PDB file of N, CA and C in Angstrom:
ATOM      1  N   MET A   1     142.402 -53.634 105.858  1.00  0.00           N
ATOM      2  CA  MET A   1     143.154 -54.124 106.719  1.00  0.00           C
ATOM      3  C   MET A   1     144.439 -53.380 105.915  1.00  0.00           C
ATOM      4  N   ASN A   2     145.647 -53.360 106.485  1.00  0.00           N
ATOM      5  CA  ASN A   2     146.407 -53.278 105.802  1.00  0.00           C
ATOM      6  C   ASN A   2     147.633 -54.427 106.705  1.00  0.00           C
ATOM      7  N   LEU A   3     148.476 -54.804 106.157  1.00  0.00           N
ATOM      8  CA  LEU A   3     149.722 -56.032 105.962  1.00  0.00           C
ATOM      9  C   LEU A   3     151.069 -55.047 105.572  1.00  0.00           C
ATOM     10  N   HIS A   4     151.868 -55.520 106.644  1.00  0.00           N
ATOM     11  CA  HIS A   4     153.485 -55.543 106.023  1.00  0.00           C
ATOM     12  C   HIS A   4     153.242 -56.815 105.370  1.00  0.00           C
ATOM     13  N   GLU A   5     154.651 -57.192 104.597  1.00  0.00           N
ATOM     14  CA  GLU A   5     155.210 -58.043 104.048  1.00  0.00           C
ATOM     15  C   GLU A   5     154.841 -59.541 105.141  1.00  0.00           C
ATOM     16  N   TYR A   6     155.994 -59.047 106.119  1.00  0.00           N
ATOM     17  CA  TYR A   6     156.666 -59.848 107.429  1.00  0.00           C
ATOM     18  C   TYR A   6     155.688 -60.010 108.266  1.00  0.00           C
ATOM     19  N   GLN A   7     154.467 -59.459 107.936  1.00  0.00           N
ATOM     20  CA  GLN A   7     152.557 -59.832 108.917  1.00  0.00           C
ATOM     21  C   GLN A   7     151.682 -61.261 108.191  1.00  0.00           C
ATOM     22  N   GLY A   8     152.217 -60.637 106.670  1.00  0.00           N
ATOM     23  CA  GLY A   8     151.162 -61.638 105.664  1.00  0.00           C
ATOM     24  C   GLY A   8     152.005 -63.105 105.583  1.00  0.00           C
ATOM     25  N   LYS A   9     153.427 -63.082 105.560  1.00  0.00           N
ATOM     26  CA  LYS A   9     154.377 -64.831 106.140  1.00  0.00           C
ATOM     27  C   LYS A   9     153.778 -65.096 107.476  1.00  0.00           C
ATOM     28  N   LYS A  10     153.900 -64.599 108.073  1.00  0.00           N
ATOM     29  CA  LYS A  10     153.557 -64.880 109.314  1.00  0.00           C
ATOM     30  C   LYS A  10     152.005 -65.763 109.490  1.00  0.00           C
ATOM     31  N   ILE A  11     151.648 -64.617 108.310  1.00  0.00           N
ATOM     32  CA  ILE A  11     149.755 -65.775 108.888  1.00  0.00           C
ATOM     33  C   ILE A  11     149.900 -66.963 107.598  1.00  0.00           C
ATOM     34  N   LEU A  12     150.598 -66.238 107.105  1.00  0.00           N
ATOM     35  CA  LEU A  12     150.514 -67.526 105.296  1.00  0.00           C
ATOM     36  C   LEU A  12     150.947 -68.966 106.479  1.00  0.00           C
ATOM     37  N   ALA A  13     152.785 -68.857 107.177  1.00  0.00           N
ATOM     38  CA  ALA A  13     153.055 -69.858 107.495  1.00  0.00           C
ATOM     39  C   ALA A  13     152.189 -70.565 108.651  1.00  0.00           C
ATOM     40  N   GLN A  14     151.526 -70.056 109.296  1.00  0.00           N
ATOM     41  CA  GLN A  14     151.002 -70.704 110.611  1.00  0.00           C
ATOM     42  C   GLN A  14     149.481 -71.395 110.143  1.00  0.00           C
ATOM     43  N   HIS A  15     149.266 -71.582 108.793  1.00  0.00           N
ATOM     44  CA  HIS A  15     147.873 -72.049 107.910  1.00  0.00           C
ATOM     45  C   HIS A  15     149.287 -72.874 107.203  1.00  0.00           C
ATOM     46  N   GLY A  16     150.169 -73.070 106.837  1.00  0.00           N
ATOM     47  CA  GLY A  16     150.603 -74.666 105.962  1.00  0.00           C
ATOM     48  C   GLY A  16     151.428 -73.765 105.370  1.00  0.00           C
ATOM     49  N   VAL A  17     151.486 -72.720 104.327  1.00  0.00           N
ATOM     50  CA  VAL A  17     152.348 -71.982 103.506  1.00  0.00           C
ATOM     51  C   VAL A  17     153.472 -72.378 103.859  1.00  0.00           C
ATOM     52  N   ASN A  18     154.117 -72.933 102.100  1.00  0.00           N
ATOM     53  CA  ASN A  18     156.045 -72.363 103.057  1.00  0.00           C
ATOM     54  C   ASN A  18     155.959 -71.093 102.105  1.00  0.00           C
ATOM     55  N   ILE A  19     156.930 -70.525 102.860  1.00  0.00           N
ATOM     56  CA  ILE A  19     157.616 -69.024 102.283  1.00  0.00           C
ATOM     57  C   ILE A  19     158.890 -69.071 102.220  1.00  0.00           C
ATOM     58  N   GLN A  20     159.098 -68.267 102.052  1.00  0.00           N
ATOM     59  CA  GLN A  20     160.516 -67.404 101.668  1.00  0.00           C
ATOM     60  C   GLN A  20     160.851 -67.052 103.007  1.00  0.00           C
ATOM     61  N   ARG A  21     161.981 -67.567 103.662  1.00  0.00           N
ATOM     62  CA  ARG A  21     163.004 -66.937 105.114  1.00  0.00           C
ATOM     63  C   ARG A  21     163.119 -65.848 105.092  1.00  0.00           C
ATOM     64  N   GLY A  22     162.959 -65.023 106.610  1.00  0.00           N
ATOM     65  CA  GLY A  22     162.810 -63.705 106.367  1.00  0.00           C
ATOM     66  C   GLY A  22     162.988 -63.603 108.078  1.00  0.00           C
ATOM     67  N   VAL A  23     163.379 -62.072 108.253  1.00  0.00           N
ATOM     68  CA  VAL A  23     163.787 -61.702 109.621  1.00  0.00           C
ATOM     69  C   VAL A  23     164.056 -60.222 109.761  1.00  0.00           C
ATOM     70  N   VAL A  24     162.729 -59.542 110.033  1.00  0.00           N
ATOM     71  CA  VAL A  24     162.254 -57.962 110.624  1.00  0.00           C
ATOM     72  C   VAL A  24     163.664 -57.203 111.326  1.00  0.00           C
ATOM     73  N   LEU A  25     163.838 -56.716 111.251  1.00  0.00           N
ATOM     74  CA  LEU A  25     165.439 -55.973 111.474  1.00  0.00           C
ATOM     75  C   LEU A  25     164.966 -54.291 112.169  1.00  0.00           C
ATOM     76  N   ASP A  26     164.912 -54.626 112.980  1.00  0.00           N
ATOM     77  CA  ASP A  26     164.415 -53.353 114.218  1.00  0.00           C
ATOM     78  C   ASP A  26     165.720 -52.375 114.330  1.00  0.00           C
ATOM     79  N   ASP A  27     167.363 -53.149 114.469  1.00  0.00           N
ATOM     80  CA  ASP A  27     168.367 -52.596 115.171  1.00  0.00           C
ATOM     81  C   ASP A  27     169.231 -52.445 114.370  1.00  0.00           C
ATOM     82  N   LEU A  28     169.971 -51.775 113.836  1.00  0.00           N
ATOM     83  CA  LEU A  28     171.418 -51.988 112.476  1.00  0.00           C
ATOM     84  C   LEU A  28     172.388 -53.131 113.994  1.00  0.00           C
ATOM     85  N   ASN A  29     172.268 -52.412 114.901  1.00  0.00           N
ATOM     86  CA  ASN A  29     173.258 -53.939 115.898  1.00  0.00           C
ATOM     87  C   ASN A  29     172.681 -54.738 115.764  1.00  0.00           C
ATOM     88  N   GLU A  30     171.498 -55.815 115.706  1.00  0.00           N
ATOM     89  CA  GLU A  30     171.534 -57.273 115.352  1.00  0.00           C
ATOM     90  C   GLU A  30     171.596 -57.812 114.562  1.00  0.00           C
ATOM     91  N   ILE A  31     172.662 -56.720 113.422  1.00  0.00           N
ATOM     92  CA  ILE A  31     172.731 -57.481 111.708  1.00  0.00           C
ATOM     93  C   ILE A  31     173.195 -58.570 112.280  1.00  0.00           C
ATOM     94  N   ASP A  32     174.303 -58.693 112.563  1.00  0.00           N
ATOM     95  CA  ASP A  32     175.228 -60.337 112.376  1.00  0.00           C
ATOM     96  C   ASP A  32     174.214 -61.582 113.121  1.00  0.00           C
ATOM     97  N   LYS A  33     173.618 -60.876 114.371  1.00  0.00           N
ATOM     98  CA  LYS A  33     172.815 -62.698 114.857  1.00  0.00           C
ATOM     99  C   LYS A  33     171.908 -62.488 114.209  1.00  0.00           C
ATOM    100  N   VAL A  34     171.350 -61.818 112.670  1.00  0.00           N
ATOM    101  CA  VAL A  34     170.573 -62.121 111.996  1.00  0.00           C
ATOM    102  C   VAL A  34     171.243 -63.090 111.196  1.00  0.00           C
ATOM    103  N   SER A  35     171.479 -61.363 110.337  1.00  0.00           N
ATOM    104  CA  SER A  35     172.229 -62.466 108.596  1.00  0.00           C
ATOM    105  C   SER A  35     172.839 -64.159 109.445  1.00  0.00           C
ATOM    106  N   ASN A  36     172.845 -63.812 110.516  1.00  0.00           N
ATOM    107  CA  ASN A  36     174.168 -65.183 110.903  1.00  0.00           C
ATOM    108  C   ASN A  36     172.688 -66.954 111.030  1.00  0.00           C
ATOM    109  N   LYS A  37     172.206 -65.614 111.385  1.00  0.00           N
ATOM    110  CA  LYS A  37     170.904 -66.870 111.918  1.00  0.00           C
ATOM    111  C   LYS A  37     170.622 -67.458 110.213  1.00  0.00           C
ATOM    112  N   LEU A  38     170.260 -65.985 109.619  1.00  0.00           N
ATOM    113  CA  LEU A  38     169.637 -66.468 108.145  1.00  0.00           C
ATOM    114  C   LEU A  38     170.095 -67.383 107.372  1.00  0.00           C
ATOM    115  N   ILE A  39     171.725 -67.543 107.485  1.00  0.00           N
ATOM    116  CA  ILE A  39     173.109 -68.271 107.151  1.00  0.00           C
ATOM    117  C   ILE A  39     173.214 -69.450 107.172  1.00  0.00           C
ATOM    118  N   GLU A  40     172.494 -69.314 109.182  1.00  0.00           N
ATOM    119  CA  GLU A  40     172.805 -71.001 109.348  1.00  0.00           C
ATOM    120  C   GLU A  40     171.011 -72.340 108.452  1.00  0.00           C
ATOM    121  N   GLU A  41     170.479 -71.323 108.841  1.00  0.00           N
ATOM    122  CA  GLU A  41     168.858 -71.801 108.385  1.00  0.00           C
ATOM    123  C   GLU A  41     169.403 -72.495 106.661  1.00  0.00           C
ATOM    124  N   THR A  42     169.470 -72.180 105.993  1.00  0.00           N
ATOM    125  CA  THR A  42     169.060 -71.444 104.780  1.00  0.00           C
ATOM    126  C   THR A  42     170.103 -71.906 104.281  1.00  0.00           C
ATOM    127  N   GLY A  43     171.406 -71.866 104.247  1.00  0.00           N
ATOM    128  CA  GLY A  43     173.340 -72.262 103.717  1.00  0.00           C
ATOM    129  C   GLY A  43     172.962 -71.091 103.017  1.00  0.00           C
ATOM    130  N   THR A  44     172.763 -70.087 102.625  1.00  0.00           N
ATOM    131  CA  THR A  44     172.466 -68.676 101.364  1.00  0.00           C
ATOM    132  C   THR A  44     173.585 -67.740 102.918  1.00  0.00           C
ATOM    133  N   LYS A  45     174.450 -66.969 101.227  1.00  0.00           N
ATOM    134  CA  LYS A  45     174.744 -66.229 101.540  1.00  0.00           C
ATOM    135  C   LYS A  45     174.435 -64.729 101.108  1.00  0.00           C
ATOM    136  N   TRP A  46     173.234 -64.714 100.015  1.00  0.00           N
ATOM    137  CA  TRP A  46     172.780 -63.572  99.732  1.00  0.00           C
ATOM    138  C   TRP A  46     171.379 -63.264 100.407  1.00  0.00           C
ATOM    139  N   PHE A  47     171.185 -62.188  99.857  1.00  0.00           N
ATOM    140  CA  PHE A  47     169.849 -61.381 101.236  1.00  0.00           C
ATOM    141  C   PHE A  47     169.242 -61.290 100.546  1.00  0.00           C
ATOM    142  N   VAL A  48     167.806 -60.731 100.358  1.00  0.00           N
ATOM    143  CA  VAL A  48     166.800 -59.564 100.054  1.00  0.00           C
ATOM    144  C   VAL A  48     166.757 -57.896 100.921  1.00  0.00           C
ATOM    145  N   VAL A  49     166.955 -57.152 100.851  1.00  0.00           N
ATOM    146  CA  VAL A  49     166.517 -56.221 102.374  1.00  0.00           C
ATOM    147  C   VAL A  49     165.610 -54.967 101.778  1.00  0.00           C
ATOM    148  N   LYS A  50     164.986 -55.215 102.621  1.00  0.00           N
ATOM    149  CA  LYS A  50     163.473 -54.480 102.106  1.00  0.00           C
ATOM    150  C   LYS A  50     162.352 -53.582 103.159  1.00  0.00           C
ATOM    151  N   ALA A  51     162.388 -52.383 102.551  1.00  0.00           N
ATOM    152  CA  ALA A  51     161.607 -51.875 103.139  1.00  0.00           C
ATOM    153  C   ALA A  51     160.023 -52.180 103.597  1.00  0.00           C
ATOM    154  N   GLN A  52     158.928 -52.572 104.318  1.00  0.00           N
ATOM    155  CA  GLN A  52     158.112 -52.697 104.830  1.00  0.00           C
ATOM    156  C   GLN A  52     156.965 -51.550 104.217  1.00  0.00           C
ATOM    157  N   ILE A  53     156.969 -51.595 103.719  1.00  0.00           N
ATOM    158  CA  ILE A  53     155.844 -49.837 104.564  1.00  0.00           C
ATOM    159  C   ILE A  53     154.636 -50.326 103.143  1.00  0.00           C
ATOM    160  N   HIS A  54     153.422 -49.764 103.759  1.00  0.00           N
ATOM    161  CA  HIS A  54     151.631 -49.737 103.336  1.00  0.00           C
ATOM    162  C   HIS A  54     151.918 -49.037 101.504  1.00  0.00           C
ATOM    163  N   ALA A  55     152.956 -49.602 100.854  1.00  0.00           N
ATOM    164  CA  ALA A  55     152.461 -49.098  99.364  1.00  0.00           C
ATOM    165  C   ALA A  55     152.980 -49.581  98.229  1.00  0.00           C
ATOM    166  N   GLY A  56     152.920 -50.066  97.032  1.00  0.00           N
ATOM    167  CA  GLY A  56     153.050 -50.518  96.230  1.00  0.00           C
ATOM    168  C   GLY A  56     154.484 -49.455  95.149  1.00  0.00           C
ATOM    169  N   GLY A  57     154.947 -50.349  94.613  1.00  0.00           N
ATOM    170  CA  GLY A  57     156.123 -49.513  93.667  1.00  0.00           C
ATOM    171  C   GLY A  57     157.346 -49.114  95.383  1.00  0.00           C
ATOM    172  N   ARG A  58     157.424 -50.013  96.482  1.00  0.00           N
ATOM    173  CA  ARG A  58     158.956 -50.372  96.964  1.00  0.00           C
ATOM    174  C   ARG A  58     160.039 -50.344  96.160  1.00  0.00           C
ATOM    175  N   GLY A  59     160.357 -51.167  95.481  1.00  0.00           N
ATOM    176  CA  GLY A  59     161.133 -51.367  93.928  1.00  0.00           C
ATOM    177  C   GLY A  59     161.758 -50.217  93.452  1.00  0.00           C
ATOM    178  N   LYS A  60     160.171 -49.864  93.491  1.00  0.00           N
ATOM    179  CA  LYS A  60     161.304 -48.879  91.949  1.00  0.00           C
ATOM    180  C   LYS A  60     161.760 -48.371  93.066  1.00  0.00           C
ATOM    181  N   ALA A  61     161.116 -46.870  93.793  1.00  0.00           N
ATOM    182  CA  ALA A  61     161.767 -46.279  95.123  1.00  0.00           C
ATOM    183  C   ALA A  61     162.872 -47.124  95.666  1.00  0.00           C
ATOM    184  N   GLY A  62     164.053 -47.591  95.276  1.00  0.00           N
ATOM    185  CA  GLY A  62     165.005 -47.550  95.916  1.00  0.00           C
ATOM    186  C   GLY A  62     164.797 -48.606  97.356  1.00  0.00           C
ATOM    187  N   GLY A  63     163.398 -49.105  97.466  1.00  0.00           N
ATOM    188  CA  GLY A  63     162.949 -49.987  99.061  1.00  0.00           C
ATOM    189  C   GLY A  63     163.168 -51.137  98.681  1.00  0.00           C
ATOM    190  N   VAL A  64     164.079 -52.762  97.104  1.00  0.00           N
ATOM    191  CA  VAL A  64     164.104 -53.659  97.873  1.00  0.00           C
ATOM    192  C   VAL A  64     165.404 -53.624  96.884  1.00  0.00           C
ATOM    193  N   LYS A  65     167.025 -54.906  97.569  1.00  0.00           N
ATOM    194  CA  LYS A  65     167.614 -54.152  97.135  1.00  0.00           C
ATOM    195  C   LYS A  65     168.452 -55.760  97.731  1.00  0.00           C
ATOM    196  N   ILE A  66     168.673 -56.378  96.773  1.00  0.00           N
ATOM    197  CA  ILE A  66     169.741 -58.323  96.753  1.00  0.00           C
ATOM    198  C   ILE A  66     171.372 -57.494  97.267  1.00  0.00           C
ATOM    199  N   VAL A  67     171.775 -57.838  98.303  1.00  0.00           N
ATOM    200  CA  VAL A  67     173.080 -58.324  98.469  1.00  0.00           C
ATOM    201  C   VAL A  67     173.570 -59.569  98.334  1.00  0.00           C
ATOM    202  N   LYS A  68     174.516 -59.753  98.134  1.00  0.00           N
ATOM    203  CA  LYS A  68     175.418 -60.842  98.060  1.00  0.00           C
ATOM    204  C   LYS A  68     176.670 -61.784  98.996  1.00  0.00           C
ATOM    205  N   ASN A  69     177.014 -60.251  99.579  1.00  0.00           N
ATOM    206  CA  ASN A  69     178.062 -60.695 100.973  1.00  0.00           C
ATOM    207  C   ASN A  69     177.104 -60.161 102.173  1.00  0.00           C
ATOM    208  N   PHE A  70     178.033 -60.180 103.074  1.00  0.00           N
ATOM    209  CA  PHE A  70     177.741 -59.828 105.428  1.00  0.00           C
ATOM    210  C   PHE A  70     177.704 -57.314 104.983  1.00  0.00           C
ATOM    211  N   GLU A  71     178.970 -57.596 103.288  1.00  0.00           N
ATOM    212  CA  GLU A  71     178.863 -56.403 103.637  1.00  0.00           C
ATOM    213  C   GLU A  71     178.102 -55.877 102.349  1.00  0.00           C
ATOM    214  N   GLU A  72     177.685 -55.229 102.087  1.00  0.00           N
ATOM    215  CA  GLU A  72     176.791 -54.906 101.483  1.00  0.00           C
ATOM    216  C   GLU A  72     175.679 -55.086 102.361  1.00  0.00           C
ATOM    217  N   LEU A  73     175.064 -56.526 102.647  1.00  0.00           N
ATOM    218  CA  LEU A  73     174.089 -56.745 104.189  1.00  0.00           C
ATOM    219  C   LEU A  73     174.088 -54.919 104.522  1.00  0.00           C
ATOM    220  N   GLU A  74     174.802 -54.595 105.462  1.00  0.00           N
ATOM    221  CA  GLU A  74     175.206 -53.976 106.410  1.00  0.00           C
ATOM    222  C   GLU A  74     175.561 -52.756 105.869  1.00  0.00           C
ATOM    223  N   GLU A  75     175.668 -52.642 104.450  1.00  0.00           N
ATOM    224  CA  GLU A  75     175.973 -51.243 103.478  1.00  0.00           C
ATOM    225  C   GLU A  75     174.239 -50.545 103.494  1.00  0.00           C
ATOM    226  N   GLU A  76     173.535 -51.535 102.940  1.00  0.00           N
ATOM    227  CA  GLU A  76     172.213 -51.218 102.634  1.00  0.00           C
ATOM    228  C   GLU A  76     171.211 -51.691 103.279  1.00  0.00           C
ATOM    229  N   ALA A  77     171.495 -51.798 104.544  1.00  0.00           N
ATOM    230  CA  ALA A  77     170.255 -51.854 105.655  1.00  0.00           C
ATOM    231  C   ALA A  77     170.168 -50.800 106.471  1.00  0.00           C
ATOM    232  N   LYS A  78     171.675 -49.996 106.961  1.00  0.00           N
ATOM    233  CA  LYS A  78     171.942 -48.322 107.346  1.00  0.00           C
ATOM    234  C   LYS A  78     170.862 -47.318 106.322  1.00  0.00           C
ATOM    235  N   ILE A  79     171.850 -47.861 104.862  1.00  0.00           N
ATOM    236  CA  ILE A  79     170.709 -46.863 103.933  1.00  0.00           C
ATOM    237  C   ILE A  79     169.484 -46.962 104.076  1.00  0.00           C
ATOM    238  N   MET A  80     169.148 -48.685 103.989  1.00  0.00           N
ATOM    239  CA  MET A  80     167.691 -48.407 103.866  1.00  0.00           C
ATOM    240  C   MET A  80     166.890 -47.919 105.381  1.00  0.00           C
ATOM    241  N   MET A  81     167.782 -48.176 106.387  1.00  0.00           N
ATOM    242  CA  MET A  81     166.659 -47.782 107.558  1.00  0.00           C
ATOM    243  C   MET A  81     166.803 -46.214 107.789  1.00  0.00           C
ATOM    244  N   GLY A  82     167.549 -45.208 107.594  1.00  0.00           N
ATOM    245  CA  GLY A  82     167.101 -43.930 106.554  1.00  0.00           C
ATOM    246  C   GLY A  82     166.504 -43.529 106.311  1.00  0.00           C
ATOM    247  N   LYS A  83     165.971 -44.530 104.592  1.00  0.00           N
ATOM    248  CA  LYS A  83     165.721 -43.928 103.989  1.00  0.00           C
ATOM    249  C   LYS A  83     163.823 -42.911 104.293  1.00  0.00           C
ATOM    250  N   ILE A  84     163.560 -42.415 103.378  1.00  0.00           N
ATOM    251  CA  ILE A  84     162.084 -41.914 103.279  1.00  0.00           C
ATOM    252  C   ILE A  84     161.434 -42.466 101.793  1.00  0.00           C
ATOM    253  N   LEU A  85     160.926 -43.264 101.836  1.00  0.00           N
ATOM    254  CA  LEU A  85     160.441 -43.434  99.950  1.00  0.00           C
ATOM    255  C   LEU A  85     159.803 -42.935  99.494  1.00  0.00           C
ATOM    256  N   ILE A  86     159.208 -42.877  98.313  1.00  0.00           N
ATOM    257  CA  ILE A  86     158.475 -41.677  98.025  1.00  0.00           C
ATOM    258  C   ILE A  86     157.888 -43.062  97.188  1.00  0.00           C
ATOM    259  N   THR A  87     156.465 -43.297  96.764  1.00  0.00           N
ATOM    260  CA  THR A  87     155.820 -44.390  96.056  1.00  0.00           C
ATOM    261  C   THR A  87     154.901 -43.582  95.320  1.00  0.00           C
TER     262      THR A  87
END
């Protein structure tokens, strides 16, 4: 069975396991709403942008980025949404 990280986290959370908060972004037009929701819920302004692929090594391939503010979040999300990862 292949699960994306967000799917695995959802299953774990349903069984009482504490997980990091996260949101799947399918549409760049929702980035304001999604980021504001996470800021409200967690108090942080840092984000981790992750590609959801069924392969290892996504970090080395550029599929995981830590960003420190909304401007970086928006920029990295745009790059990642159009990127083909080779792992």
